[in-house]
Amino acid sequence: MLVVQQIKNFGKIDFSGQELVSRLSTILLVFFMIASIAVGQVFQDISLVFYTYLAGSVITVFLVTFPLPMYNKNPVTWLSKKDEKK
């Protein structure tokens, strides 16, 4: 049961962490797109454009896929359940 609880808690990020992931992935993908086009222009090689963008995409996936601690700095505290007695 302990392993199941660890796996369940592993993937938790808060709402501001989700916003950060969205913003970070967009910024990184645009940056690597511009960088790959610049590398392709400098070396005049279209395959370098694809490889540079592929490397940037892999870096982006590793940065935004895993639930890093920086994505859970503002955890949500939920209200407790009300007991309804009739």
PDB file of N, CA and C in Angstrom:
ATOM      1  N   MET A   1       0.820  -1.200   0.000  1.00  0.00           N
ATOM      2  CA  MET A   1       0.000   0.000   0.000  1.00  0.00           C
ATOM      3  C   MET A   1       0.858   1.256   0.000  1.00  0.00           C
ATOM      4  N   LEU A   2       2.014   1.195   0.628  1.00  0.00           N
ATOM      5  CA  LEU A   2       2.904   2.343   0.695  1.00  0.00           C
ATOM      6  C   LEU A   2       3.405   2.734  -0.693  1.00  0.00           C
ATOM      7  N   VAL A   3       3.713   1.746  -1.525  1.00  0.00           N
ATOM      8  CA  VAL A   3       4.192   2.022  -2.873  1.00  0.00           C
ATOM      9  C   VAL A   3       3.101   2.698  -3.695  1.00  0.00           C
ATOM     10  N   VAL A   4       1.878   2.240  -3.558  1.00  0.00           N
ATOM     11  CA  VAL A   4       0.756   2.837  -4.285  1.00  0.00           C
ATOM     12  C   VAL A   4       0.571   4.295  -3.879  1.00  0.00           C
ATOM     13  N   GLN A   5       0.695   4.584  -2.598  1.00  0.00           N
ATOM     14  CA  GLN A   5       0.552   5.960  -2.113  1.00  0.00           C
ATOM     15  C   GLN A   5       1.674   6.843  -2.646  1.00  0.00           C
ATOM     16  N   GLN A   6       2.901   6.321  -2.717  1.00  0.00           N
ATOM     17  CA  GLN A   6       4.015   7.093  -3.257  1.00  0.00           C
ATOM     18  C   GLN A   6       3.804   7.400  -4.732  1.00  0.00           C
ATOM     19  N   ILE A   7       3.319   6.432  -5.482  1.00  0.00           N
ATOM     20  CA  ILE A   7       3.053   6.651  -6.903  1.00  0.00           C
ATOM     21  C   ILE A   7       1.930   7.665  -7.079  1.00  0.00           C
ATOM     22  N   LYS A   8       0.915   7.584  -6.237  1.00  0.00           N
ATOM     23  CA  LYS A   8      -0.211   8.517  -6.320  1.00  0.00           C
ATOM     24  C   LYS A   8       0.241   9.945  -6.033  1.00  0.00           C
ATOM     25  N   ASN A   9       1.097  10.130  -5.051  1.00  0.00           N
ATOM     26  CA  ASN A   9       1.562  11.465  -4.687  1.00  0.00           C
ATOM     27  C   ASN A   9       2.674  11.975  -5.591  1.00  0.00           C
ATOM     28  N   PHE A  10       3.267  11.113  -6.410  1.00  0.00           N
ATOM     29  CA  PHE A  10       4.389  11.508  -7.251  1.00  0.00           C
ATOM     30  C   PHE A  10       3.992  12.532  -8.298  1.00  0.00           C
ATOM     31  N   GLY A  11       2.824  12.392  -8.884  1.00  0.00           N
ATOM     32  CA  GLY A  11       2.449  13.211 -10.015  1.00  0.00           C
ATOM     33  C   GLY A  11       1.656  14.448  -9.704  1.00  0.00           C
ATOM     34  N   LYS A  12       1.703  14.945  -8.478  1.00  0.00           N
ATOM     35  CA  LYS A  12       0.866  16.081  -8.124  1.00  0.00           C
ATOM     36  C   LYS A  12       1.592  17.399  -8.350  1.00  0.00           C
ATOM     37  N   ILE A  13       0.938  18.283  -9.103  1.00  0.00           N
ATOM     38  CA  ILE A  13       1.394  19.663  -9.212  1.00  0.00           C
ATOM     39  C   ILE A  13       0.173  20.548  -8.993  1.00  0.00           C
ATOM     40  N   ASP A  14       0.417  21.769  -8.551  1.00  0.00           N
ATOM     41  CA  ASP A  14      -0.702  22.655  -8.251  1.00  0.00           C
ATOM     42  C   ASP A  14      -1.105  23.449  -9.497  1.00  0.00           C
ATOM     43  N   PHE A  15      -2.126  24.293  -9.336  1.00  0.00           N
ATOM     44  CA  PHE A  15      -2.658  25.034 -10.479  1.00  0.00           C
ATOM     45  C   PHE A  15      -1.657  26.045 -11.023  1.00  0.00           C
ATOM     46  N   SER A  16      -0.939  26.728 -10.149  1.00  0.00           N
ATOM     47  CA  SER A  16       0.067  27.675 -10.635  1.00  0.00           C
ATOM     48  C   SER A  16       1.227  26.925 -11.284  1.00  0.00           C
ATOM     49  N   GLY A  17       1.504  25.707 -10.832  1.00  0.00           N
ATOM     50  CA  GLY A  17       2.512  24.877 -11.478  1.00  0.00           C
ATOM     51  C   GLY A  17       2.092  24.471 -12.882  1.00  0.00           C
ATOM     52  N   GLN A  18       0.804  24.212 -13.071  1.00  0.00           N
ATOM     53  CA  GLN A  18       0.302  23.893 -14.405  1.00  0.00           C
ATOM     54  C   GLN A  18       0.447  25.085 -15.343  1.00  0.00           C
ATOM     55  N   GLU A  19       0.178  26.267 -14.820  1.00  0.00           N
ATOM     56  CA  GLU A  19       0.343  27.475 -15.629  1.00  0.00           C
ATOM     57  C   GLU A  19       1.815  27.688 -15.977  1.00  0.00           C
ATOM     58  N   LEU A  20       2.701  27.440 -15.020  1.00  0.00           N
ATOM     59  CA  LEU A  20       4.136  27.570 -15.257  1.00  0.00           C
ATOM     60  C   LEU A  20       4.612  26.582 -16.314  1.00  0.00           C
ATOM     61  N   VAL A  21       4.127  25.347 -16.253  1.00  0.00           N
ATOM     62  CA  VAL A  21       4.489  24.333 -17.244  1.00  0.00           C
ATOM     63  C   VAL A  21       4.033  24.760 -18.633  1.00  0.00           C
ATOM     64  N   SER A  22       2.828  25.278 -18.732  1.00  0.00           N
ATOM     65  CA  SER A  22       2.307  25.719 -20.026  1.00  0.00           C
ATOM     66  C   SER A  22       3.143  26.859 -20.596  1.00  0.00           C
ATOM     67  N   ARG A  23       3.434  27.843 -19.755  1.00  0.00           N
ATOM     68  CA  ARG A  23       4.228  28.987 -20.203  1.00  0.00           C
ATOM     69  C   ARG A  23       5.656  28.569 -20.560  1.00  0.00           C
ATOM     70  N   LEU A  24       6.255  27.718 -19.725  1.00  0.00           N
ATOM     71  CA  LEU A  24       7.623  27.271 -19.947  1.00  0.00           C
ATOM     72  C   LEU A  24       7.748  26.457 -21.229  1.00  0.00           C
ATOM     73  N   SER A  25       6.797  25.575 -21.486  1.00  0.00           N
ATOM     74  CA  SER A  25       6.868  24.760 -22.698  1.00  0.00           C
ATOM     75  C   SER A  25       6.726  25.619 -23.947  1.00  0.00           C
ATOM     76  N   THR A  26       5.844  26.596 -23.912  1.00  0.00           N
ATOM     77  CA  THR A  26       5.685  27.482 -25.065  1.00  0.00           C
ATOM     78  C   THR A  26       6.949  28.290 -25.315  1.00  0.00           C
ATOM     79  N   ILE A  27       7.505  28.864 -24.261  1.00  0.00           N
ATOM     80  CA  ILE A  27       8.713  29.681 -24.403  1.00  0.00           C
ATOM     81  C   ILE A  27       9.881  28.842 -24.908  1.00  0.00           C
ATOM     82  N   LEU A  28      10.060  27.654 -24.343  1.00  0.00           N
ATOM     83  CA  LEU A  28      11.177  26.807 -24.761  1.00  0.00           C
ATOM     84  C   LEU A  28      11.036  26.343 -26.206  1.00  0.00           C
ATOM     85  N   LEU A  29       9.835  25.962 -26.610  1.00  0.00           N
ATOM     86  CA  LEU A  29       9.654  25.502 -27.989  1.00  0.00           C
ATOM     87  C   LEU A  29       9.881  26.626 -28.992  1.00  0.00           C
ATOM     88  N   VAL A  30       9.426  27.831 -28.672  1.00  0.00           N
ATOM     89  CA  VAL A  30       9.669  28.970 -29.569  1.00  0.00           C
ATOM     90  C   VAL A  30      11.159  29.298 -29.603  1.00  0.00           C
ATOM     91  N   PHE A  31      11.817  29.274 -28.443  1.00  0.00           N
ATOM     92  CA  PHE A  31      13.256  29.546 -28.396  1.00  0.00           C
ATOM     93  C   PHE A  31      14.033  28.541 -29.238  1.00  0.00           C
ATOM     94  N   PHE A  32      13.729  27.247 -29.082  1.00  0.00           N
ATOM     95  CA  PHE A  32      14.448  26.233 -29.844  1.00  0.00           C
ATOM     96  C   PHE A  32      14.109  26.292 -31.329  1.00  0.00           C
ATOM     97  N   MET A  33      12.920  26.749 -31.682  1.00  0.00           N
ATOM     98  CA  MET A  33      12.588  26.928 -33.088  1.00  0.00           C
ATOM     99  C   MET A  33      13.455  28.020 -33.702  1.00  0.00           C
ATOM    100  N   ILE A  34      13.552  29.156 -33.020  1.00  0.00           N
ATOM    101  CA  ILE A  34      14.372  30.262 -33.518  1.00  0.00           C
ATOM    102  C   ILE A  34      15.842  29.860 -33.560  1.00  0.00           C
ATOM    103  N   ALA A  35      16.308  29.168 -32.514  1.00  0.00           N
ATOM    104  CA  ALA A  35      17.706  28.733 -32.472  1.00  0.00           C
ATOM    105  C   ALA A  35      18.011  27.735 -33.582  1.00  0.00           C
ATOM    106  N   SER A  36      17.096  26.827 -33.854  1.00  0.00           N
ATOM    107  CA  SER A  36      17.350  25.836 -34.903  1.00  0.00           C
ATOM    108  C   SER A  36      17.362  26.479 -36.284  1.00  0.00           C
ATOM    109  N   ILE A  37      16.507  27.464 -36.506  1.00  0.00           N
ATOM    110  CA  ILE A  37      16.531  28.177 -37.786  1.00  0.00           C
ATOM    111  C   ILE A  37      17.834  28.951 -37.933  1.00  0.00           C
ATOM    112  N   ALA A  38      18.304  29.565 -36.849  1.00  0.00           N
ATOM    113  CA  ALA A  38      19.571  30.298 -36.896  1.00  0.00           C
ATOM    114  C   ALA A  38      20.739  29.358 -37.175  1.00  0.00           C
ATOM    115  N   VAL A  39      20.754  28.201 -36.538  1.00  0.00           N
ATOM    116  CA  VAL A  39      21.820  27.224 -36.783  1.00  0.00           C
ATOM    117  C   VAL A  39      21.776  26.747 -38.231  1.00  0.00           C
ATOM    118  N   GLY A  40      20.593  26.515 -38.741  1.00  0.00           N
ATOM    119  CA  GLY A  40      20.456  26.093 -40.132  1.00  0.00           C
ATOM    120  C   GLY A  40      20.922  27.153 -41.112  1.00  0.00           C
ATOM    121  N   GLN A  41      20.662  28.417 -40.801  1.00  0.00           N
ATOM    122  CA  GLN A  41      21.114  29.505 -41.674  1.00  0.00           C
ATOM    123  C   GLN A  41      22.632  29.655 -41.640  1.00  0.00           C
ATOM    124  N   VAL A  42      23.207  29.541 -40.455  1.00  0.00           N
ATOM    125  CA  VAL A  42      24.659  29.712 -40.329  1.00  0.00           C
ATOM    126  C   VAL A  42      25.404  28.602 -41.057  1.00  0.00           C
ATOM    127  N   PHE A  43      24.985  27.361 -40.880  1.00  0.00           N
ATOM    128  CA  PHE A  43      25.690  26.232 -41.477  1.00  0.00           C
ATOM    129  C   PHE A  43      25.106  25.804 -42.824  1.00  0.00           C
ATOM    130  N   GLN A  44      24.021  26.435 -43.251  1.00  0.00           N
ATOM    131  CA  GLN A  44      23.369  26.117 -44.524  1.00  0.00           C
ATOM    132  C   GLN A  44      23.106  24.612 -44.658  1.00  0.00           C
ATOM    133  N   ASP A  45      22.490  24.043 -43.627  1.00  0.00           N
ATOM    134  CA  ASP A  45      22.202  22.614 -43.607  1.00  0.00           C
ATOM    135  C   ASP A  45      20.820  22.402 -42.991  1.00  0.00           C
ATOM    136  N   ILE A  46      19.898  21.887 -43.789  1.00  0.00           N
ATOM    137  CA  ILE A  46      18.525  21.708 -43.327  1.00  0.00           C
ATOM    138  C   ILE A  46      18.425  20.605 -42.273  1.00  0.00           C
ATOM    139  N   SER A  47      19.307  19.621 -42.344  1.00  0.00           N
ATOM    140  CA  SER A  47      19.239  18.543 -41.352  1.00  0.00           C
ATOM    141  C   SER A  47      19.612  19.049 -39.956  1.00  0.00           C
ATOM    142  N   LEU A  48      20.484  20.044 -39.868  1.00  0.00           N
ATOM    143  CA  LEU A  48      20.814  20.629 -38.567  1.00  0.00           C
ATOM    144  C   LEU A  48      19.610  21.334 -37.956  1.00  0.00           C
ATOM    145  N   VAL A  49      18.757  21.895 -38.806  1.00  0.00           N
ATOM    146  CA  VAL A  49      17.534  22.529 -38.304  1.00  0.00           C
ATOM    147  C   VAL A  49      16.673  21.484 -37.600  1.00  0.00           C
ATOM    148  N   PHE A  50      16.483  20.353 -38.248  1.00  0.00           N
ATOM    149  CA  PHE A  50      15.644  19.302 -37.676  1.00  0.00           C
ATOM    150  C   PHE A  50      16.265  18.706 -36.411  1.00  0.00           C
ATOM    151  N   TYR A  51      17.569  18.439 -36.445  1.00  0.00           N
ATOM    152  CA  TYR A  51      18.225  17.845 -35.275  1.00  0.00           C
ATOM    153  C   TYR A  51      18.265  18.808 -34.090  1.00  0.00           C
ATOM    154  N   THR A  52      18.500  20.088 -34.359  1.00  0.00           N
ATOM    155  CA  THR A  52      18.521  21.070 -33.278  1.00  0.00           C
ATOM    156  C   THR A  52      17.140  21.207 -32.652  1.00  0.00           C
ATOM    157  N   TYR A  53      16.109  21.268 -33.479  1.00  0.00           N
ATOM    158  CA  TYR A  53      14.754  21.383 -32.939  1.00  0.00           C
ATOM    159  C   TYR A  53      14.340  20.105 -32.215  1.00  0.00           C
ATOM    160  N   LEU A  54      14.757  18.961 -32.727  1.00  0.00           N
ATOM    161  CA  LEU A  54      14.459  17.695 -32.056  1.00  0.00           C
ATOM    162  C   LEU A  54      15.121  17.647 -30.677  1.00  0.00           C
ATOM    163  N   ALA A  55      16.373  18.070 -30.596  1.00  0.00           N
ATOM    164  CA  ALA A  55      17.068  18.094 -29.302  1.00  0.00           C
ATOM    165  C   ALA A  55      16.370  19.056 -28.341  1.00  0.00           C
ATOM    166  N   GLY A  56      15.966  20.210 -28.838  1.00  0.00           N
ATOM    167  CA  GLY A  56      15.246  21.169 -28.000  1.00  0.00           C
ATOM    168  C   GLY A  56      13.902  20.638 -27.540  1.00  0.00           C
ATOM    169  N   SER A  57      13.232  19.912 -28.408  1.00  0.00           N
ATOM    170  CA  SER A  57      11.940  19.325 -28.029  1.00  0.00           C
ATOM    171  C   SER A  57      12.109  18.262 -26.952  1.00  0.00           C
ATOM    172  N   VAL A  58      13.162  17.465 -27.057  1.00  0.00           N
ATOM    173  CA  VAL A  58      13.427  16.441 -26.044  1.00  0.00           C
ATOM    174  C   VAL A  58      13.754  17.098 -24.702  1.00  0.00           C
ATOM    175  N   ILE A  59      14.556  18.155 -24.726  1.00  0.00           N
ATOM    176  CA  ILE A  59      14.873  18.889 -23.493  1.00  0.00           C
ATOM    177  C   ILE A  59      13.597  19.455 -22.878  1.00  0.00           C
ATOM    178  N   THR A  60      12.733  20.016 -23.715  1.00  0.00           N
ATOM    179  CA  THR A  60      11.472  20.576 -23.226  1.00  0.00           C
ATOM    180  C   THR A  60      10.589  19.501 -22.605  1.00  0.00           C
ATOM    181  N   VAL A  61      10.506  18.355 -23.244  1.00  0.00           N
ATOM    182  CA  VAL A  61       9.689  17.259 -22.710  1.00  0.00           C
ATOM    183  C   VAL A  61      10.197  16.825 -21.340  1.00  0.00           C
ATOM    184  N   PHE A  62      11.513  16.715 -21.187  1.00  0.00           N
ATOM    185  CA  PHE A  62      12.052  16.308 -19.886  1.00  0.00           C
ATOM    186  C   PHE A  62      11.840  17.367 -18.816  1.00  0.00           C
ATOM    187  N   LEU A  63      11.818  18.638 -19.198  1.00  0.00           N
ATOM    188  CA  LEU A  63      11.617  19.695 -18.210  1.00  0.00           C
ATOM    189  C   LEU A  63      10.162  19.836 -17.772  1.00  0.00           C
ATOM    190  N   VAL A  64       9.216  19.557 -18.664  1.00  0.00           N
ATOM    191  CA  VAL A  64       7.816  19.818 -18.321  1.00  0.00           C
ATOM    192  C   VAL A  64       6.989  18.564 -18.044  1.00  0.00           C
ATOM    193  N   THR A  65       7.505  17.389 -18.336  1.00  0.00           N
ATOM    194  CA  THR A  65       6.719  16.175 -18.140  1.00  0.00           C
ATOM    195  C   THR A  65       6.751  15.689 -16.698  1.00  0.00           C
ATOM    196  N   PHE A  66       7.901  15.713 -16.084  1.00  0.00           N
ATOM    197  CA  PHE A  66       8.038  15.174 -14.737  1.00  0.00           C
ATOM    198  C   PHE A  66       7.619  16.209 -13.701  1.00  0.00           C
ATOM    199  N   PRO A  67       6.958  15.775 -12.633  1.00  0.00           N
ATOM    200  CA  PRO A  67       6.480  16.715 -11.604  1.00  0.00           C
ATOM    201  C   PRO A  67       7.616  17.175 -10.688  1.00  0.00           C
ATOM    202  N   LEU A  68       8.348  18.170 -11.127  1.00  0.00           N
ATOM    203  CA  LEU A  68       9.454  18.704 -10.338  1.00  0.00           C
ATOM    204  C   LEU A  68       8.915  19.494  -9.148  1.00  0.00           C
ATOM    205  N   PRO A  69       9.702  19.634  -8.086  1.00  0.00           N
ATOM    206  CA  PRO A  69       9.225  20.372  -6.904  1.00  0.00           C
ATOM    207  C   PRO A  69       8.866  21.829  -7.193  1.00  0.00           C
ATOM    208  N   MET A  70       9.473  22.427  -8.213  1.00  0.00           N
ATOM    209  CA  MET A  70       9.149  23.825  -8.513  1.00  0.00           C
ATOM    210  C   MET A  70       7.731  23.983  -9.057  1.00  0.00           C
ATOM    211  N   TYR A  71       7.089  22.884  -9.444  1.00  0.00           N
ATOM    212  CA  TYR A  71       5.716  22.937  -9.936  1.00  0.00           C
ATOM    213  C   TYR A  71       4.690  22.750  -8.820  1.00  0.00           C
ATOM    214  N   ASN A  72       5.133  22.588  -7.588  1.00  0.00           N
ATOM    215  CA  ASN A  72       4.204  22.372  -6.477  1.00  0.00           C
ATOM    216  C   ASN A  72       4.540  23.293  -5.302  1.00  0.00           C
ATOM    217  N   LYS A  73       4.784  24.555  -5.599  1.00  0.00           N
ATOM    218  CA  LYS A  73       5.127  25.519  -4.550  1.00  0.00           C
ATOM    219  C   LYS A  73       3.901  26.106  -3.867  1.00  0.00           C
ATOM    220  N   ASN A  74       2.753  26.069  -4.507  1.00  0.00           N
ATOM    221  CA  ASN A  74       1.522  26.637  -3.954  1.00  0.00           C
ATOM    222  C   ASN A  74       0.433  25.575  -3.891  1.00  0.00           C
ATOM    223  N   PRO A  75       0.558  24.602  -2.991  1.00  0.00           N
ATOM    224  CA  PRO A  75      -0.443  23.532  -2.955  1.00  0.00           C
ATOM    225  C   PRO A  75      -1.815  24.057  -2.533  1.00  0.00           C
ATOM    226  N   VAL A  76      -2.828  23.429  -3.050  1.00  0.00           N
ATOM    227  CA  VAL A  76      -4.203  23.820  -2.763  1.00  0.00           C
ATOM    228  C   VAL A  76      -4.646  23.138  -1.472  1.00  0.00           C
ATOM    229  N   THR A  77      -5.222  23.925  -0.574  1.00  0.00           N
ATOM    230  CA  THR A  77      -5.799  23.335   0.636  1.00  0.00           C
ATOM    231  C   THR A  77      -7.315  23.309   0.453  1.00  0.00           C
ATOM    232  N   TRP A  78      -7.854  22.122   0.421  1.00  0.00           N
ATOM    233  CA  TRP A  78      -9.275  21.944   0.190  1.00  0.00           C
ATOM    234  C   TRP A  78     -10.031  22.035   1.509  1.00  0.00           C
ATOM    235  N   LEU A  79     -11.276  22.437   1.418  1.00  0.00           N
ATOM    236  CA  LEU A  79     -12.132  22.482   2.601  1.00  0.00           C
ATOM    237  C   LEU A  79     -12.512  21.070   3.010  1.00  0.00           C
ATOM    238  N   SER A  80     -12.760  20.896   4.289  1.00  0.00           N
ATOM    239  CA  SER A  80     -13.165  19.575   4.754  1.00  0.00           C
ATOM    240  C   SER A  80     -14.624  19.319   4.376  1.00  0.00           C
ATOM    241  N   LYS A  81     -14.975  18.059   4.343  1.00  0.00           N
ATOM    242  CA  LYS A  81     -16.321  17.659   3.962  1.00  0.00           C
ATOM    243  C   LYS A  81     -17.301  17.993   5.083  1.00  0.00           C
ATOM    244  N   LYS A  82     -18.445  18.536   4.695  1.00  0.00           N
ATOM    245  CA  LYS A  82     -19.495  18.835   5.675  1.00  0.00           C
ATOM    246  C   LYS A  82     -20.250  17.563   6.015  1.00  0.00           C
ATOM    247  N   ASP A  83     -20.561  17.404   7.287  1.00  0.00           N
ATOM    248  CA  ASP A  83     -21.406  16.286   7.703  1.00  0.00           C
ATOM    249  C   ASP A  83     -22.859  16.737   7.656  1.00  0.00           C
ATOM    250  N   GLU A  84     -23.622  16.082   6.810  1.00  0.00           N
ATOM    251  CA  GLU A  84     -25.041  16.426   6.698  1.00  0.00           C
ATOM    252  C   GLU A  84     -25.858  15.420   7.496  1.00  0.00           C
ATOM    253  N   LYS A  85     -26.478  15.897   8.561  1.00  0.00           N
ATOM    254  CA  LYS A  85     -27.334  15.034   9.379  1.00  0.00           C
ATOM    255  C   LYS A  85     -28.763  15.525   9.262  1.00  0.00           C
ATOM    256  N   LYS A  86     -29.649  14.597   8.982  1.00  0.00           N
ATOM    257  CA  LYS A  86     -31.059  14.962   8.822  1.00  0.00           C
ATOM    258  C   LYS A  86     -31.898  14.368   9.903  1.00  0.00           C
TER     259      LYS A  86
END
